[in-house]
């Protein structure tokens, strides 16, 4: 981020350990790994944080599961960036497990709005399971 002129120094403001690069911020930072791992566990998927995008592109399964996975990954990336900015400018940070619960609740709200008549039975059962699950 320092290279792009986004930050004044090149240390990750979330973990304070590694150089703040896109790869580190979204995939290698312990905070990001913890968040994505929590979301993956909730979805019943062992998501490999390193190599996440290649893993996602190689995934097979229903369009509903792929769409849910995409929405989950996008929510994680958006929220990691938001937390990075909170950490940098407000010196505050939501714990990854609490942020994961917030993301899950947002996704559950979206699931409740789906037209269930258009879903295959196994997708409906999977979504119902997610709606019942906590962390």
N, C-alpha and C. Protein backbone atom coordinates (compact mmCIF):
# COMPACT_ATOMS: atom_id res chain seq x y z
N UNK A 1 0.83 -1.18 0.00
CA UNK A 1 0.00 0.00 0.00
C UNK A 1 0.87 1.25 0.00
N UNK A 2 2.00 1.13 0.66
CA UNK A 2 2.95 2.24 0.69
C UNK A 2 3.39 2.60 -0.73
N UNK A 3 3.63 1.57 -1.54
CA UNK A 3 4.03 1.79 -2.93
C UNK A 3 3.00 2.59 -3.71
N UNK A 4 1.70 2.37 -3.41
CA UNK A 4 0.62 3.03 -4.13
C UNK A 4 0.30 4.41 -3.54
N UNK A 5 1.01 4.79 -2.49
CA UNK A 5 0.75 6.08 -1.84
C UNK A 5 -0.47 6.08 -0.95
N UNK A 6 -0.96 4.88 -0.59
CA UNK A 6 -2.15 4.78 0.25
C UNK A 6 -1.80 4.92 1.72
N UNK A 7 -0.61 4.51 2.11
CA UNK A 7 -0.22 4.64 3.51
C UNK A 7 1.19 5.23 3.60
N UNK A 8 1.48 5.79 4.77
CA UNK A 8 2.77 6.46 4.97
C UNK A 8 3.90 5.47 5.25
N UNK A 9 3.58 4.36 5.86
CA UNK A 9 4.62 3.35 6.10
C UNK A 9 4.19 2.05 5.45
N UNK A 10 5.06 1.06 5.50
CA UNK A 10 4.76 -0.17 4.78
C UNK A 10 4.47 -1.36 5.69
N UNK A 11 4.15 -1.10 6.96
CA UNK A 11 3.82 -2.18 7.90
C UNK A 11 2.31 -2.32 8.00
N UNK A 12 1.83 -3.54 7.98
CA UNK A 12 0.40 -3.82 8.10
C UNK A 12 -0.13 -3.20 9.40
N UNK A 13 -1.13 -2.35 9.28
CA UNK A 13 -1.65 -1.68 10.47
C UNK A 13 -2.60 -2.58 11.27
N UNK A 14 -2.93 -3.75 10.75
CA UNK A 14 -3.77 -4.68 11.50
C UNK A 14 -2.90 -5.58 12.37
N UNK A 15 -1.92 -6.25 11.77
CA UNK A 15 -1.08 -7.16 12.55
C UNK A 15 0.19 -6.51 13.06
N UNK A 16 0.64 -5.45 12.39
CA UNK A 16 1.84 -4.74 12.81
C UNK A 16 3.12 -5.53 12.61
N UNK A 17 3.06 -6.59 11.80
CA UNK A 17 4.21 -7.48 11.65
C UNK A 17 4.77 -7.44 10.23
N UNK A 18 3.94 -7.72 9.28
CA UNK A 18 4.39 -7.88 7.89
C UNK A 18 4.24 -6.59 7.10
N UNK A 19 4.87 -6.58 5.94
CA UNK A 19 4.68 -5.48 5.02
C UNK A 19 3.23 -5.46 4.55
N UNK A 20 2.66 -4.28 4.46
CA UNK A 20 1.26 -4.18 4.04
C UNK A 20 1.18 -4.22 2.52
N UNK A 21 0.91 -5.41 2.01
CA UNK A 21 0.67 -5.62 0.59
C UNK A 21 -0.76 -6.12 0.46
N UNK A 22 -1.28 -6.11 -0.74
CA UNK A 22 -2.63 -6.64 -0.94
C UNK A 22 -2.70 -8.10 -0.52
N UNK A 23 -1.69 -8.87 -0.91
CA UNK A 23 -1.64 -10.30 -0.57
C UNK A 23 -1.64 -10.49 0.94
N UNK A 24 -0.81 -9.73 1.64
CA UNK A 24 -0.76 -9.86 3.09
C UNK A 24 -2.07 -9.41 3.73
N UNK A 25 -2.53 -8.23 3.34
CA UNK A 25 -3.72 -7.68 3.97
C UNK A 25 -4.93 -8.61 3.85
N UNK A 26 -5.18 -9.11 2.67
CA UNK A 26 -6.40 -9.89 2.45
C UNK A 26 -6.25 -11.39 2.68
N UNK A 27 -5.04 -11.93 2.62
CA UNK A 27 -4.91 -13.38 2.67
C UNK A 27 -3.89 -13.92 3.67
N UNK A 28 -2.83 -13.18 3.96
CA UNK A 28 -1.77 -13.71 4.82
C UNK A 28 -1.79 -13.16 6.24
N UNK A 29 -2.38 -12.02 6.45
CA UNK A 29 -2.45 -11.41 7.78
C UNK A 29 -3.22 -12.36 8.71
N UNK A 30 -2.73 -12.58 9.92
CA UNK A 30 -3.45 -13.47 10.85
C UNK A 30 -4.92 -13.06 11.06
N UNK A 31 -5.20 -11.78 11.04
CA UNK A 31 -6.57 -11.28 11.18
C UNK A 31 -7.44 -11.79 10.03
N UNK A 32 -6.96 -11.62 8.80
CA UNK A 32 -7.71 -12.04 7.62
C UNK A 32 -7.90 -13.55 7.60
N UNK A 33 -6.84 -14.29 7.93
CA UNK A 33 -6.94 -15.75 7.97
C UNK A 33 -8.00 -16.19 8.97
N UNK A 34 -7.99 -15.57 10.13
CA UNK A 34 -8.96 -15.93 11.16
C UNK A 34 -10.39 -15.64 10.71
N UNK A 35 -10.60 -14.48 10.11
CA UNK A 35 -11.94 -14.11 9.64
C UNK A 35 -12.43 -15.08 8.57
N UNK A 36 -11.61 -15.33 7.56
CA UNK A 36 -12.02 -16.21 6.45
C UNK A 36 -12.21 -17.63 6.94
N UNK A 37 -11.39 -18.09 7.87
CA UNK A 37 -11.54 -19.43 8.44
C UNK A 37 -12.86 -19.56 9.19
N UNK A 38 -13.23 -18.53 9.96
CA UNK A 38 -14.52 -18.54 10.68
C UNK A 38 -15.69 -18.63 9.71
N UNK A 39 -15.65 -17.85 8.66
CA UNK A 39 -16.74 -17.86 7.67
C UNK A 39 -16.79 -19.22 6.97
N UNK A 40 -15.63 -19.76 6.62
CA UNK A 40 -15.59 -21.08 5.98
C UNK A 40 -16.15 -22.17 6.87
N UNK A 41 -15.81 -22.13 8.16
CA UNK A 41 -16.33 -23.14 9.09
C UNK A 41 -17.85 -23.04 9.17
N UNK A 42 -18.37 -21.84 9.21
CA UNK A 42 -19.83 -21.64 9.25
C UNK A 42 -20.49 -22.23 8.00
N UNK A 43 -19.82 -22.09 6.85
CA UNK A 43 -20.37 -22.60 5.60
C UNK A 43 -20.10 -24.09 5.42
N UNK A 44 -19.32 -24.68 6.31
CA UNK A 44 -18.99 -26.10 6.18
C UNK A 44 -17.94 -26.35 5.12
N UNK A 45 -17.09 -25.34 4.88
CA UNK A 45 -16.06 -25.45 3.86
C UNK A 45 -14.70 -25.17 4.49
N UNK A 46 -13.73 -25.96 4.11
CA UNK A 46 -12.36 -25.70 4.55
C UNK A 46 -11.72 -24.81 3.49
N UNK A 47 -11.80 -23.51 3.71
CA UNK A 47 -11.33 -22.55 2.72
C UNK A 47 -9.83 -22.30 2.92
N UNK A 48 -9.03 -22.62 1.92
CA UNK A 48 -7.59 -22.34 2.04
C UNK A 48 -7.34 -20.86 1.78
N UNK A 49 -6.99 -20.13 2.81
CA UNK A 49 -6.84 -18.68 2.68
C UNK A 49 -5.74 -18.33 1.69
N UNK A 50 -4.59 -18.99 1.80
CA UNK A 50 -3.54 -18.79 0.79
C UNK A 50 -3.98 -19.52 -0.47
N UNK A 51 -4.02 -18.84 -1.56
CA UNK A 51 -4.49 -19.44 -2.80
C UNK A 51 -6.01 -19.46 -2.91
N UNK A 52 -6.66 -18.60 -2.14
CA UNK A 52 -8.13 -18.56 -2.08
C UNK A 52 -8.76 -18.37 -3.45
N UNK A 53 -8.26 -17.41 -4.21
CA UNK A 53 -8.90 -17.12 -5.50
C UNK A 53 -8.77 -18.28 -6.47
N UNK A 54 -7.61 -18.92 -6.52
CA UNK A 54 -7.46 -20.10 -7.39
C UNK A 54 -8.36 -21.23 -6.91
N UNK A 55 -8.46 -21.41 -5.60
CA UNK A 55 -9.34 -22.44 -5.04
C UNK A 55 -10.78 -22.17 -5.46
N UNK A 56 -11.21 -20.91 -5.36
CA UNK A 56 -12.59 -20.56 -5.72
C UNK A 56 -12.87 -20.83 -7.19
N UNK A 57 -11.92 -20.48 -8.05
CA UNK A 57 -12.12 -20.68 -9.48
C UNK A 57 -12.23 -22.16 -9.83
N UNK A 58 -11.59 -23.01 -9.06
CA UNK A 58 -11.63 -24.45 -9.32
C UNK A 58 -12.78 -25.17 -8.63
N UNK A 59 -13.60 -24.46 -7.87
CA UNK A 59 -14.70 -25.08 -7.13
C UNK A 59 -15.80 -25.54 -8.07
N UNK A 60 -16.32 -26.71 -7.77
CA UNK A 60 -17.52 -27.16 -8.47
C UNK A 60 -18.66 -27.12 -7.47
N UNK A 61 -19.85 -27.28 -7.94
CA UNK A 61 -21.00 -27.25 -7.05
C UNK A 61 -22.11 -26.41 -7.66
N UNK A 62 -23.18 -26.28 -6.92
CA UNK A 62 -24.34 -25.57 -7.43
C UNK A 62 -24.07 -24.08 -7.54
N UNK A 63 -24.85 -23.43 -8.37
CA UNK A 63 -24.72 -21.97 -8.53
C UNK A 63 -25.04 -21.27 -7.22
N UNK A 64 -25.94 -21.81 -6.45
CA UNK A 64 -26.30 -21.20 -5.16
C UNK A 64 -25.10 -21.23 -4.22
N UNK A 65 -24.44 -22.37 -4.13
CA UNK A 65 -23.26 -22.45 -3.25
C UNK A 65 -22.13 -21.57 -3.76
N UNK A 66 -21.91 -21.55 -5.07
CA UNK A 66 -20.87 -20.68 -5.62
C UNK A 66 -21.19 -19.22 -5.35
N UNK A 67 -22.44 -18.85 -5.54
CA UNK A 67 -22.86 -17.47 -5.30
C UNK A 67 -22.72 -17.10 -3.83
N UNK A 68 -23.04 -18.03 -2.95
CA UNK A 68 -22.90 -17.79 -1.52
C UNK A 68 -21.44 -17.66 -1.15
N UNK A 69 -20.61 -18.50 -1.71
CA UNK A 69 -19.17 -18.42 -1.46
C UNK A 69 -18.62 -17.09 -1.96
N UNK A 70 -19.02 -16.68 -3.16
CA UNK A 70 -18.57 -15.40 -3.70
C UNK A 70 -19.00 -14.24 -2.80
N UNK A 71 -20.26 -14.26 -2.38
CA UNK A 71 -20.76 -13.20 -1.50
C UNK A 71 -19.99 -13.18 -0.18
N UNK A 72 -19.66 -14.34 0.33
CA UNK A 72 -18.92 -14.44 1.59
C UNK A 72 -17.50 -13.90 1.45
N UNK A 73 -16.83 -14.29 0.37
CA UNK A 73 -15.47 -13.80 0.12
C UNK A 73 -15.48 -12.29 -0.07
N UNK A 74 -16.44 -11.81 -0.86
CA UNK A 74 -16.54 -10.36 -1.08
C UNK A 74 -16.80 -9.62 0.23
N UNK A 75 -17.66 -10.16 1.06
CA UNK A 75 -17.94 -9.53 2.35
C UNK A 75 -16.69 -9.51 3.23
N UNK A 76 -15.92 -10.59 3.21
CA UNK A 76 -14.68 -10.62 3.99
C UNK A 76 -13.70 -9.57 3.49
N UNK A 77 -13.50 -9.51 2.19
CA UNK A 77 -12.54 -8.55 1.63
C UNK A 77 -12.98 -7.12 1.93
N UNK A 78 -14.25 -6.82 1.72
CA UNK A 78 -14.76 -5.48 2.02
C UNK A 78 -14.53 -5.13 3.49
N UNK A 79 -14.86 -6.05 4.37
CA UNK A 79 -14.73 -5.77 5.81
C UNK A 79 -13.28 -5.73 6.28
N UNK A 80 -12.41 -6.52 5.67
CA UNK A 80 -10.99 -6.43 6.00
C UNK A 80 -10.47 -5.04 5.64
N UNK A 81 -10.84 -4.55 4.46
CA UNK A 81 -10.42 -3.20 4.06
C UNK A 81 -10.97 -2.15 5.03
N UNK A 82 -12.23 -2.30 5.39
CA UNK A 82 -12.85 -1.37 6.34
C UNK A 82 -12.12 -1.41 7.69
N UNK A 83 -11.78 -2.60 8.16
CA UNK A 83 -11.06 -2.72 9.44
C UNK A 83 -9.64 -2.16 9.32
N UNK A 84 -9.03 -2.33 8.17
CA UNK A 84 -7.71 -1.75 7.95
C UNK A 84 -7.78 -0.24 8.11
N UNK A 85 -8.80 0.38 7.52
CA UNK A 85 -8.94 1.83 7.62
C UNK A 85 -9.28 2.26 9.05
N UNK A 86 -10.14 1.48 9.72
CA UNK A 86 -10.44 1.80 11.13
C UNK A 86 -9.17 1.74 11.97
N UNK A 87 -8.38 0.72 11.73
CA UNK A 87 -7.14 0.56 12.49
C UNK A 87 -6.18 1.70 12.20
N UNK A 88 -6.06 2.08 10.95
CA UNK A 88 -5.12 3.12 10.54
C UNK A 88 -5.55 4.50 11.05
N UNK A 89 -6.83 4.83 10.93
CA UNK A 89 -7.27 6.20 11.20
C UNK A 89 -7.97 6.40 12.54
N UNK A 90 -8.66 5.37 13.03
CA UNK A 90 -9.38 5.50 14.30
C UNK A 90 -8.72 4.72 15.43
N UNK A 91 -7.71 3.91 15.10
CA UNK A 91 -7.00 3.08 16.07
C UNK A 91 -7.94 2.12 16.80
N UNK A 92 -8.95 1.63 16.07
CA UNK A 92 -9.88 0.63 16.60
C UNK A 92 -9.95 -0.54 15.63
N UNK A 93 -10.31 -1.69 16.17
CA UNK A 93 -10.39 -2.90 15.36
C UNK A 93 -11.37 -3.86 16.00
N UNK A 94 -12.31 -4.37 15.22
CA UNK A 94 -13.26 -5.37 15.70
C UNK A 94 -12.56 -6.73 15.64
N UNK A 95 -12.69 -7.52 16.69
CA UNK A 95 -12.09 -8.86 16.70
C UNK A 95 -12.63 -9.67 15.52
N UNK A 96 -11.79 -10.53 14.92
CA UNK A 96 -12.23 -11.27 13.74
C UNK A 96 -13.44 -12.16 13.99
N UNK A 97 -13.53 -12.78 15.17
CA UNK A 97 -14.70 -13.65 15.40
C UNK A 97 -15.98 -12.83 15.53
N UNK A 98 -15.89 -11.64 16.09
CA UNK A 98 -17.07 -10.77 16.17
C UNK A 98 -17.46 -10.26 14.78
N UNK A 99 -16.46 -9.88 13.98
CA UNK A 99 -16.72 -9.44 12.62
C UNK A 99 -17.32 -10.58 11.80
N UNK A 100 -16.84 -11.80 12.00
CA UNK A 100 -17.41 -12.96 11.30
C UNK A 100 -18.89 -13.11 11.63
N UNK A 101 -19.25 -12.95 12.90
CA UNK A 101 -20.67 -13.03 13.28
C UNK A 101 -21.49 -11.95 12.59
N UNK A 102 -20.93 -10.75 12.48
CA UNK A 102 -21.63 -9.66 11.80
C UNK A 102 -21.84 -9.97 10.32
N UNK A 103 -20.81 -10.53 9.68
CA UNK A 103 -20.92 -10.91 8.27
C UNK A 103 -21.96 -12.02 8.10
N UNK A 104 -21.94 -13.00 8.99
CA UNK A 104 -22.91 -14.10 8.92
C UNK A 104 -24.34 -13.58 9.02
N UNK A 105 -24.56 -12.65 9.93
CA UNK A 105 -25.91 -12.08 10.09
C UNK A 105 -26.34 -11.33 8.83
N UNK A 106 -25.42 -10.61 8.22
CA UNK A 106 -25.72 -9.91 6.97
C UNK A 106 -26.07 -10.92 5.87
N UNK A 107 -25.30 -11.98 5.76
CA UNK A 107 -25.57 -13.00 4.74
C UNK A 107 -26.88 -13.72 5.02
N UNK A 108 -27.17 -14.00 6.28
CA UNK A 108 -28.43 -14.65 6.63
C UNK A 108 -29.62 -13.78 6.21
N UNK A 109 -29.48 -12.47 6.43
CA UNK A 109 -30.55 -11.56 6.04
C UNK A 109 -30.79 -11.65 4.53
N UNK A 110 -29.71 -11.74 3.77
CA UNK A 110 -29.85 -11.86 2.31
C UNK A 110 -30.47 -13.20 1.93
N UNK A 111 -30.10 -14.28 2.63
CA UNK A 111 -30.66 -15.60 2.34
C UNK A 111 -32.17 -15.61 2.57
N UNK A 112 -32.60 -14.93 3.60
CA UNK A 112 -34.04 -14.90 3.91
C UNK A 112 -34.84 -14.25 2.79
N UNK A 113 -34.19 -13.41 1.99
CA UNK A 113 -34.86 -12.74 0.88
C UNK A 113 -34.87 -13.54 -0.42
N UNK A 114 -34.25 -14.71 -0.42
CA UNK A 114 -34.23 -15.53 -1.64
C UNK A 114 -35.60 -16.10 -1.95
N UNK A 115 -35.90 -16.24 -3.23
CA UNK A 115 -37.13 -16.92 -3.65
C UNK A 115 -36.86 -18.42 -3.58
N UNK A 116 -37.34 -19.03 -2.52
CA UNK A 116 -37.04 -20.44 -2.26
C UNK A 116 -37.67 -21.38 -3.28
N UNK A 117 -38.68 -20.92 -3.98
CA UNK A 117 -39.33 -21.78 -4.98
C UNK A 117 -38.39 -22.10 -6.14
N UNK A 118 -37.35 -21.26 -6.33
CA UNK A 118 -36.43 -21.46 -7.43
C UNK A 118 -35.22 -22.28 -7.04
N UNK A 119 -35.14 -22.72 -5.79
CA UNK A 119 -33.97 -23.45 -5.30
C UNK A 119 -34.16 -24.96 -5.41
N UNK A 120 -33.07 -25.64 -5.70
CA UNK A 120 -33.05 -27.10 -5.65
C UNK A 120 -33.16 -27.50 -4.18
N UNK A 121 -33.73 -28.64 -3.90
CA UNK A 121 -33.95 -29.08 -2.53
C UNK A 121 -32.67 -29.12 -1.69
N UNK A 122 -31.56 -29.62 -2.27
CA UNK A 122 -30.32 -29.70 -1.47
C UNK A 122 -29.78 -28.31 -1.17
N UNK A 123 -29.98 -27.34 -2.08
CA UNK A 123 -29.56 -25.96 -1.80
C UNK A 123 -30.43 -25.34 -0.72
N UNK A 124 -31.71 -25.61 -0.79
CA UNK A 124 -32.64 -25.12 0.24
C UNK A 124 -32.25 -25.67 1.61
N UNK A 125 -31.94 -26.96 1.67
CA UNK A 125 -31.53 -27.58 2.94
C UNK A 125 -30.23 -26.97 3.46
N UNK A 126 -29.29 -26.73 2.55
CA UNK A 126 -28.01 -26.15 2.94
C UNK A 126 -28.20 -24.74 3.50
N UNK A 127 -29.01 -23.94 2.81
CA UNK A 127 -29.26 -22.58 3.29
C UNK A 127 -30.00 -22.60 4.62
N UNK A 128 -30.97 -23.49 4.77
CA UNK A 128 -31.67 -23.59 6.05
C UNK A 128 -30.70 -23.94 7.17
N UNK A 129 -29.74 -24.81 6.87
CA UNK A 129 -28.72 -25.15 7.86
C UNK A 129 -27.88 -23.94 8.25
N UNK A 130 -27.52 -23.11 7.28
CA UNK A 130 -26.76 -21.90 7.58
C UNK A 130 -27.57 -20.92 8.40
N UNK A 131 -28.86 -20.82 8.10
CA UNK A 131 -29.72 -19.91 8.86
C UNK A 131 -29.84 -20.33 10.32
N UNK A 132 -29.78 -21.63 10.58
CA UNK A 132 -29.89 -22.13 11.96
C UNK A 132 -28.56 -22.03 12.72
N UNK A 133 -27.46 -22.06 11.98
CA UNK A 133 -26.13 -22.11 12.60
C UNK A 133 -25.70 -20.77 13.13
N UNK A 134 -24.98 -20.84 14.25
CA UNK A 134 -24.22 -19.69 14.73
C UNK A 134 -22.78 -19.97 14.39
N UNK A 135 -21.89 -19.42 15.19
CA UNK A 135 -20.47 -19.70 14.99
C UNK A 135 -20.04 -20.88 15.80
